Amino acid sequence: MRFKQSFERLQTKAPLNFIPLTDESVYQAYSFLTQEEAQKTLHLVDENLNVLKGPEAIEYLLKNHPHSEPFLWLIETESGKKAVDYFYKKANSLREAIKAHCPGCP
């Protein structure tokens, strides 16, 4: 949630539109998405309708965040990719823990 809020506050190179998982119109507009899959992992649909999931979505967001520009070269390294993957896995573990305590939460 905080990660999402920081992106909402800042201008990004690519426009971002955050849509709740519970918004049924998403699955009608993007028939290649399912709510069940979207609840399992972060999904990002780019301007070319490519679906990025998990760490790939985080990497896309970082690359399009203006304040991360001086550090983008780090993301391209093997250790940088591992760090992005680790960040995603930790954030996803936290999301799963919260979901476990609140079964009705998306």
Protein backbone atom coordinates (compact mmCIF):
# COMPACT_ATOMS: atom_id res chain seq x y z
CA MET A 1 0.00 0.00 0.00
CA ARG A 2 2.76 2.48 0.90
CA PHE A 3 4.66 1.56 -2.27
CA LYS A 4 1.51 2.25 -4.30
CA GLN A 5 0.90 5.53 -2.47
CA SER A 6 4.43 6.78 -3.19
CA PHE A 7 3.89 6.18 -6.90
CA GLU A 8 0.52 7.93 -6.83
CA ARG A 9 2.10 11.05 -5.31
CA LEU A 10 4.91 11.32 -7.84
CA GLN A 11 4.87 11.87 -11.55
CA THR A 12 6.25 8.92 -13.46
CA LYS A 13 7.57 8.65 -17.01
CA ALA A 14 4.68 6.37 -17.91
CA PRO A 15 1.20 7.19 -16.59
CA LEU A 16 0.06 4.76 -13.91
CA ASN A 17 -3.50 3.79 -13.15
CA PHE A 18 -3.99 1.72 -10.00
CA ILE A 19 -7.17 -0.34 -10.11
CA PRO A 20 -8.52 -2.37 -7.16
CA LEU A 21 -8.58 -6.14 -7.54
CA THR A 22 -12.28 -6.07 -6.77
CA ASP A 23 -13.12 -3.88 -9.79
CA GLU A 24 -14.87 -6.35 -12.11
CA SER A 25 -14.56 -3.99 -15.09
CA VAL A 26 -10.81 -4.73 -15.17
CA TYR A 27 -11.43 -8.37 -16.01
CA GLN A 28 -13.95 -7.42 -18.68
CA ALA A 29 -11.62 -4.87 -20.28
CA TYR A 30 -8.57 -7.13 -20.00
CA SER A 31 -9.95 -10.61 -20.58
CA PHE A 32 -6.43 -12.09 -20.32
CA LEU A 33 -6.44 -11.26 -16.58
CA THR A 34 -8.26 -13.24 -13.93
CA GLN A 35 -9.08 -12.06 -10.44
CA GLU A 36 -7.70 -15.29 -8.98
CA GLU A 37 -4.29 -14.75 -10.61
CA ALA A 38 -4.29 -11.04 -9.78
CA GLN A 39 -4.81 -11.87 -6.11
CA LYS A 40 -1.77 -14.16 -6.10
CA THR A 41 0.79 -11.71 -7.43
CA LEU A 42 1.28 -8.14 -8.59
CA HIS A 43 0.22 -7.62 -12.20
CA LEU A 44 1.03 -4.62 -14.35
CA VAL A 45 -0.34 -4.08 -17.84
CA ASP A 46 1.90 -1.71 -19.79
CA GLU A 47 0.98 0.66 -22.61
CA ASN A 48 1.46 -2.17 -25.16
CA LEU A 49 -0.81 -4.53 -23.17
CA ASN A 50 2.14 -6.64 -22.04
CA VAL A 51 1.48 -8.24 -18.67
CA LEU A 52 4.35 -7.94 -16.19
CA LYS A 53 4.13 -9.96 -12.99
CA GLY A 54 5.91 -9.89 -9.65
CA PRO A 55 9.53 -8.70 -9.81
CA GLU A 56 9.15 -7.72 -13.49
CA ALA A 57 6.37 -5.31 -12.51
CA ILE A 58 8.49 -3.86 -9.68
CA GLU A 59 11.39 -3.37 -12.09
CA TYR A 60 9.10 -1.58 -14.56
CA LEU A 61 7.82 0.70 -11.80
CA LEU A 62 11.35 1.51 -10.64
CA LYS A 63 12.50 2.24 -14.18
CA ASN A 64 9.61 4.66 -14.61
CA HIS A 65 10.08 6.42 -11.28
CA PRO A 66 11.93 9.72 -11.87
CA HIS A 67 13.84 9.61 -8.58
CA SER A 68 15.33 6.20 -9.31
CA GLU A 69 17.07 7.34 -12.51
CA PRO A 70 20.54 7.77 -10.96
CA PHE A 71 20.38 4.19 -9.66
CA LEU A 72 18.90 2.41 -12.68
CA TRP A 73 22.24 0.92 -13.64
CA LEU A 74 22.08 -1.09 -10.41
CA ILE A 75 18.85 -2.76 -11.48
CA GLU A 76 20.55 -4.04 -14.63
CA THR A 77 23.23 -5.93 -12.69
CA GLU A 78 22.72 -9.50 -11.49
CA SER A 79 22.90 -8.40 -7.86
CA GLY A 80 20.42 -5.59 -8.59
CA LYS A 81 17.98 -8.04 -10.15
CA LYS A 82 18.34 -10.26 -7.09
CA ALA A 83 17.64 -7.25 -4.86
CA VAL A 84 14.47 -6.40 -6.82
CA ASP A 85 13.39 -10.04 -6.59
CA TYR A 86 14.11 -10.08 -2.84
CA PHE A 87 12.16 -6.82 -2.34
CA TYR A 88 9.20 -8.25 -4.22
CA LYS A 89 9.26 -11.54 -2.29
CA LYS A 90 9.36 -9.71 1.06
CA ALA A 91 6.54 -7.36 0.07
CA ASN A 92 4.49 -10.29 -1.23
CA SER A 93 5.10 -12.28 1.98
CA LEU A 94 3.81 -9.34 3.98
CA ARG A 95 0.76 -9.07 1.72
CA GLU A 96 0.09 -12.80 2.15
CA ALA A 97 0.41 -12.52 5.95
CA ILE A 98 -2.07 -9.64 6.03
CA LYS A 99 -4.44 -11.58 3.74
CA ALA A 100 -4.23 -14.62 6.04
CA HIS A 101 -5.47 -12.52 8.99
CA CYS A 102 -8.18 -10.90 6.89
CA PRO A 103 -9.73 -13.54 4.58
CA GLY A 104 -12.15 -11.00 3.07
CA CYS A 105 -9.33 -8.63 2.10
CA PRO A 106 -8.12 -8.78 -1.54
